[in-house]
Amino acid sequence: MVTLPDGYPADAFEAFAFLKTRTRLDIEDLKVLAMIECYGEAFYQILAAGVGHAEARALLERNGAEERGHAHRVLKAIRLLGGEPFELPNAADNPFMALAPAEVPADAELFALLEQGELDGDLAYQAWADAEPNAEVAELYRLNGREETRHSERVVTARGLLAA
């Protein structure tokens, strides 16, 4: 099991809220962010598994796959900033998975929270990019942020498909 640095909440959503208080991310913050993105992949997979509409499920699964891509960009940022190699933990070793739900209800309230959370993720990544002096790392953050907004758009589409 990978352990979290001191001061980080064990809940992925709370840990992300904690990261949003940072102006600039250091290597330890980035390791936590990578694990949060891996949790995001699992969260979307769990959510998608409970969705009966094939197109909506595919949209949610795509969001999950892109969350894994975000984690890989964060690993690249760690390398660019001179950090020691860090491997993404599997689900059993990711500390955030200890609080992961076995099922996620695909209801309107959750979709509204996801929509806003993804938009907030974009804003956080853009703020970190603005504060990052390494241009390559800043661009990685910007890419992740733009995809977070696309995730929000897919959540809206999936919600519409499920409501129809």
C-alpha atoms as a PDB file:
ATOM      1  CA  MET A   1       0.000   0.000   0.000  1.00  0.00           C
ATOM      2  CA  VAL A   2       1.284   3.418  -0.949  1.00  0.00           C
ATOM      3  CA  THR A   3       1.011   5.856   1.936  1.00  0.00           C
ATOM      4  CA  LEU A   4      -0.112   9.443   1.738  1.00  0.00           C
ATOM      5  CA  PRO A   5       2.165  12.243   2.917  1.00  0.00           C
ATOM      6  CA  ASP A   6       1.323  13.709   6.314  1.00  0.00           C
ATOM      7  CA  GLY A   7      -1.599  16.107   6.267  1.00  0.00           C
ATOM      8  CA  TYR A   8      -3.458  14.595   3.329  1.00  0.00           C
ATOM      9  CA  PRO A   9      -7.033  13.384   3.810  1.00  0.00           C
ATOM     10  CA  ALA A  10      -7.701   9.714   3.023  1.00  0.00           C
ATOM     11  CA  ASP A  11     -10.728  10.614   0.897  1.00  0.00           C
ATOM     12  CA  ALA A  12      -9.862  11.407  -2.744  1.00  0.00           C
ATOM     13  CA  PHE A  13     -12.360  14.262  -3.016  1.00  0.00           C
ATOM     14  CA  GLU A  14     -11.117  15.851   0.212  1.00  0.00           C
ATOM     15  CA  ALA A  15      -7.510  15.365  -0.894  1.00  0.00           C
ATOM     16  CA  PHE A  16      -8.257  17.134  -4.179  1.00  0.00           C
ATOM     17  CA  ALA A  17      -9.882  19.988  -2.256  1.00  0.00           C
ATOM     18  CA  PHE A  18      -6.700  20.158  -0.169  1.00  0.00           C
ATOM     19  CA  LEU A  19      -4.563  20.275  -3.333  1.00  0.00           C
ATOM     20  CA  LYS A  20      -6.684  23.130  -4.679  1.00  0.00           C
ATOM     21  CA  THR A  21      -5.406  25.264  -1.780  1.00  0.00           C
ATOM     22  CA  ARG A  22      -1.878  24.952  -3.202  1.00  0.00           C
ATOM     23  CA  THR A  23      -0.667  27.661  -5.539  1.00  0.00           C
ATOM     24  CA  ARG A  24       2.072  25.486  -6.992  1.00  0.00           C
ATOM     25  CA  LEU A  25       2.332  21.717  -6.752  1.00  0.00           C
ATOM     26  CA  ASP A  26       5.497  20.068  -5.449  1.00  0.00           C
ATOM     27  CA  ILE A  27       6.589  16.494  -6.141  1.00  0.00           C
ATOM     28  CA  GLU A  28       4.668  15.039  -3.172  1.00  0.00           C
ATOM     29  CA  ASP A  29       1.533  16.917  -4.245  1.00  0.00           C
ATOM     30  CA  LEU A  30       1.922  15.505  -7.741  1.00  0.00           C
ATOM     31  CA  LYS A  31       2.211  11.956  -6.442  1.00  0.00           C
ATOM     32  CA  VAL A  32      -1.042  12.455  -4.540  1.00  0.00           C
ATOM     33  CA  LEU A  33      -2.648  13.999  -7.614  1.00  0.00           C
ATOM     34  CA  ALA A  34      -1.639  10.989  -9.713  1.00  0.00           C
ATOM     35  CA  MET A  35      -3.293   8.675  -7.187  1.00  0.00           C
ATOM     36  CA  ILE A  36      -6.424  10.842  -7.187  1.00  0.00           C
ATOM     37  CA  GLU A  37      -6.592  10.594 -10.972  1.00  0.00           C
ATOM     38  CA  CYS A  38      -6.306   6.792 -10.699  1.00  0.00           C
ATOM     39  CA  TYR A  39      -9.141   6.859  -8.184  1.00  0.00           C
ATOM     40  CA  GLY A  40     -11.116   8.918 -10.718  1.00  0.00           C
ATOM     41  CA  GLU A  41     -10.653   6.156 -13.264  1.00  0.00           C
ATOM     42  CA  ALA A  42     -12.000   3.572 -10.822  1.00  0.00           C
ATOM     43  CA  PHE A  43     -14.868   5.831  -9.743  1.00  0.00           C
ATOM     44  CA  TYR A  44     -16.042   6.264 -13.336  1.00  0.00           C
ATOM     45  CA  GLN A  45     -15.724   2.519 -13.952  1.00  0.00           C
ATOM     46  CA  ILE A  46     -17.876   1.785 -10.903  1.00  0.00           C
ATOM     47  CA  LEU A  47     -20.432   4.396 -11.971  1.00  0.00           C
ATOM     48  CA  ALA A  48     -20.508   3.136 -15.563  1.00  0.00           C
ATOM     49  CA  ALA A  49     -21.014  -0.460 -14.424  1.00  0.00           C
ATOM     50  CA  GLY A  50     -24.383   0.494 -12.973  1.00  0.00           C
ATOM     51  CA  VAL A  51     -25.625   2.318 -16.070  1.00  0.00           C
ATOM     52  CA  GLY A  52     -27.865   0.343 -18.396  1.00  0.00           C
ATOM     53  CA  HIS A  53     -27.780   2.784 -21.324  1.00  0.00           C
ATOM     54  CA  ALA A  54     -24.883   1.727 -23.592  1.00  0.00           C
ATOM     55  CA  GLU A  55     -24.045   5.183 -24.948  1.00  0.00           C
ATOM     56  CA  ALA A  56     -24.144   6.810 -21.501  1.00  0.00           C
ATOM     57  CA  ARG A  57     -22.006   3.990 -20.101  1.00  0.00           C
ATOM     58  CA  ALA A  58     -19.458   4.465 -22.909  1.00  0.00           C
ATOM     59  CA  LEU A  59     -19.201   8.196 -22.150  1.00  0.00           C
ATOM     60  CA  LEU A  60     -18.529   7.495 -18.476  1.00  0.00           C
ATOM     61  CA  GLU A  61     -16.011   4.768 -19.303  1.00  0.00           C
ATOM     62  CA  ARG A  62     -14.181   7.201 -21.602  1.00  0.00           C
ATOM     63  CA  ASN A  63     -13.970   9.713 -18.770  1.00  0.00           C
ATOM     64  CA  GLY A  64     -12.444   7.001 -16.598  1.00  0.00           C
ATOM     65  CA  ALA A  65      -9.870   6.079 -19.222  1.00  0.00           C
ATOM     66  CA  GLU A  66      -8.889   9.725 -19.578  1.00  0.00           C
ATOM     67  CA  GLU A  67      -8.476  10.045 -15.817  1.00  0.00           C
ATOM     68  CA  ARG A  68      -5.774   7.362 -16.119  1.00  0.00           C
ATOM     69  CA  GLY A  69      -4.230   9.463 -18.910  1.00  0.00           C
ATOM     70  CA  HIS A  70      -4.188  12.452 -16.562  1.00  0.00           C
ATOM     71  CA  ALA A  71      -2.273  10.361 -14.036  1.00  0.00           C
ATOM     72  CA  HIS A  72       0.324   9.526 -16.686  1.00  0.00           C
ATOM     73  CA  ARG A  73       0.721  13.218 -17.537  1.00  0.00           C
ATOM     74  CA  VAL A  74       1.238  13.925 -13.836  1.00  0.00           C
ATOM     75  CA  LEU A  75       3.973  11.262 -13.783  1.00  0.00           C
ATOM     76  CA  LYS A  76       5.614  13.029 -16.710  1.00  0.00           C
ATOM     77  CA  ALA A  77       5.416  16.307 -14.780  1.00  0.00           C
ATOM     78  CA  ILE A  78       7.159  14.628 -11.831  1.00  0.00           C
ATOM     79  CA  ARG A  79       9.999  13.512 -14.123  1.00  0.00           C
ATOM     80  CA  LEU A  80      10.269  16.941 -15.747  1.00  0.00           C
ATOM     81  CA  LEU A  81      10.546  18.533 -12.306  1.00  0.00           C
ATOM     82  CA  GLY A  82      13.348  16.169 -11.324  1.00  0.00           C
ATOM     83  CA  GLY A  83      11.360  13.908  -9.026  1.00  0.00           C
ATOM     84  CA  GLU A  84      12.238  10.293  -8.380  1.00  0.00           C
ATOM     85  CA  PRO A  85      10.389   7.790 -10.571  1.00  0.00           C
ATOM     86  CA  PHE A  86       6.928   7.042  -9.231  1.00  0.00           C
ATOM     87  CA  GLU A  87       4.748   4.196 -10.436  1.00  0.00           C
ATOM     88  CA  LEU A  88       1.000   4.429 -10.388  1.00  0.00           C
ATOM     89  CA  PRO A  89      -0.324   2.113  -7.718  1.00  0.00           C
ATOM     90  CA  ASN A  90      -2.756  -0.614  -8.663  1.00  0.00           C
ATOM     91  CA  ALA A  91      -6.184  -0.316  -7.086  1.00  0.00           C
ATOM     92  CA  ALA A  92      -5.239  -2.500  -4.109  1.00  0.00           C
ATOM     93  CA  ASP A  93      -2.259  -0.256  -3.299  1.00  0.00           C
ATOM     94  CA  ASN A  94      -3.950   3.103  -3.896  1.00  0.00           C
ATOM     95  CA  PRO A  95      -4.819   4.534  -0.467  1.00  0.00           C
ATOM     96  CA  PHE A  96      -7.850   6.353  -1.866  1.00  0.00           C
ATOM     97  CA  MET A  97      -9.468   3.078  -2.895  1.00  0.00           C
ATOM     98  CA  ALA A  98      -9.998   2.136   0.765  1.00  0.00           C
ATOM     99  CA  LEU A  99     -12.963   4.533   0.807  1.00  0.00           C
ATOM    100  CA  ALA A 100     -14.193   3.769  -2.720  1.00  0.00           C
ATOM    101  CA  PRO A 101     -17.822   2.735  -2.907  1.00  0.00           C
ATOM    102  CA  ALA A 102     -18.729  -0.679  -4.299  1.00  0.00           C
ATOM    103  CA  GLU A 103     -21.584   0.926  -6.221  1.00  0.00           C
ATOM    104  CA  VAL A 104     -22.283   4.482  -7.330  1.00  0.00           C
ATOM    105  CA  PRO A 105     -25.922   5.416  -7.984  1.00  0.00           C
ATOM    106  CA  ALA A 106     -26.356   7.153 -11.333  1.00  0.00           C
ATOM    107  CA  ASP A 107     -28.782   9.814 -10.148  1.00  0.00           C
ATOM    108  CA  ALA A 108     -29.292  13.452 -11.093  1.00  0.00           C
ATOM    109  CA  GLU A 109     -27.696  14.738  -7.884  1.00  0.00           C
ATOM    110  CA  LEU A 110     -24.498  12.781  -8.481  1.00  0.00           C
ATOM    111  CA  PHE A 111     -24.332  13.877 -12.109  1.00  0.00           C
ATOM    112  CA  ALA A 112     -24.684  17.521 -11.033  1.00  0.00           C
ATOM    113  CA  LEU A 113     -21.848  17.072  -8.528  1.00  0.00           C
ATOM    114  CA  LEU A 114     -19.666  15.391 -11.162  1.00  0.00           C
ATOM    115  CA  GLU A 115     -20.385  18.099 -13.698  1.00  0.00           C
ATOM    116  CA  GLN A 116     -19.314  20.813 -11.272  1.00  0.00           C
ATOM    117  CA  GLY A 117     -16.395  18.795  -9.924  1.00  0.00           C
ATOM    118  CA  GLU A 118     -14.943  18.325 -13.391  1.00  0.00           C
ATOM    119  CA  LEU A 119     -15.267  22.055 -14.128  1.00  0.00           C
ATOM    120  CA  ASP A 120     -13.577  22.804 -10.797  1.00  0.00           C
ATOM    121  CA  GLY A 121     -10.818  20.370 -11.799  1.00  0.00           C
ATOM    122  CA  ASP A 122     -10.222  22.360 -14.974  1.00  0.00           C
ATOM    123  CA  LEU A 123      -9.980  25.589 -12.972  1.00  0.00           C
ATOM    124  CA  ALA A 124      -7.504  24.008 -10.553  1.00  0.00           C
ATOM    125  CA  TYR A 125      -5.298  22.674 -13.336  1.00  0.00           C
ATOM    126  CA  GLN A 126      -5.334  26.051 -15.103  1.00  0.00           C
ATOM    127  CA  ALA A 127      -4.363  27.837 -11.864  1.00  0.00           C
ATOM    128  CA  TRP A 128      -1.511  25.382 -11.288  1.00  0.00           C
ATOM    129  CA  ALA A 129      -0.395  25.899 -14.894  1.00  0.00           C
ATOM    130  CA  ASP A 130      -0.390  29.674 -14.421  1.00  0.00           C
ATOM    131  CA  ALA A 131       1.855  29.303 -11.349  1.00  0.00           C
ATOM    132  CA  GLU A 132       4.218  26.723 -12.904  1.00  0.00           C
ATOM    133  CA  PRO A 133       7.489  28.153 -14.291  1.00  0.00           C
ATOM    134  CA  ASN A 134       8.307  24.973 -16.246  1.00  0.00           C
ATOM    135  CA  ALA A 135       6.504  25.490 -19.568  1.00  0.00           C
ATOM    136  CA  GLU A 136       6.290  21.761 -20.362  1.00  0.00           C
ATOM    137  CA  VAL A 137       4.745  20.976 -16.998  1.00  0.00           C
ATOM    138  CA  ALA A 138       2.337  23.908 -17.344  1.00  0.00           C
ATOM    139  CA  GLU A 139       1.193  22.550 -20.702  1.00  0.00           C
ATOM    140  CA  LEU A 140       0.570  19.111 -19.181  1.00  0.00           C
ATOM    141  CA  TYR A 141      -1.618  20.758 -16.544  1.00  0.00           C
ATOM    142  CA  ARG A 142      -3.495  22.719 -19.208  1.00  0.00           C
ATOM    143  CA  LEU A 143      -4.167  19.546 -21.207  1.00  0.00           C
ATOM    144  CA  ASN A 144      -5.529  17.790 -18.132  1.00  0.00           C
ATOM    145  CA  GLY A 145      -7.688  20.801 -17.345  1.00  0.00           C
ATOM    146  CA  ARG A 146      -9.202  20.988 -20.811  1.00  0.00           C
ATOM    147  CA  GLU A 147     -10.052  17.307 -20.617  1.00  0.00           C
ATOM    148  CA  GLU A 148     -11.733  17.849 -17.250  1.00  0.00           C
ATOM    149  CA  THR A 149     -14.123  20.253 -18.970  1.00  0.00           C
ATOM    150  CA  ARG A 150     -14.790  17.644 -21.671  1.00  0.00           C
ATOM    151  CA  HIS A 151     -15.528  15.183 -18.867  1.00  0.00           C
ATOM    152  CA  SER A 152     -18.119  17.604 -17.530  1.00  0.00           C
ATOM    153  CA  GLU A 153     -19.685  17.838 -20.984  1.00  0.00           C
ATOM    154  CA  ARG A 154     -19.837  14.042 -21.241  1.00  0.00           C
ATOM    155  CA  VAL A 155     -21.457  13.826 -17.808  1.00  0.00           C
ATOM    156  CA  VAL A 156     -24.141  16.276 -18.987  1.00  0.00           C
ATOM    157  CA  THR A 157     -24.690  14.201 -22.131  1.00  0.00           C
ATOM    158  CA  ALA A 158     -24.849  10.953 -20.158  1.00  0.00           C
ATOM    159  CA  ARG A 159     -27.332  12.480 -17.725  1.00  0.00           C
ATOM    160  CA  GLY A 160     -29.504  13.546 -20.650  1.00  0.00           C
ATOM    161  CA  LEU A 161     -29.383  10.103 -22.210  1.00  0.00           C
ATOM    162  CA  LEU A 162     -30.386   8.481 -18.944  1.00  0.00           C
ATOM    163  CA  ALA A 163     -33.246  10.951 -18.411  1.00  0.00           C
ATOM    164  CA  ALA A 164     -34.665  10.373 -21.922  1.00  0.00           C
END
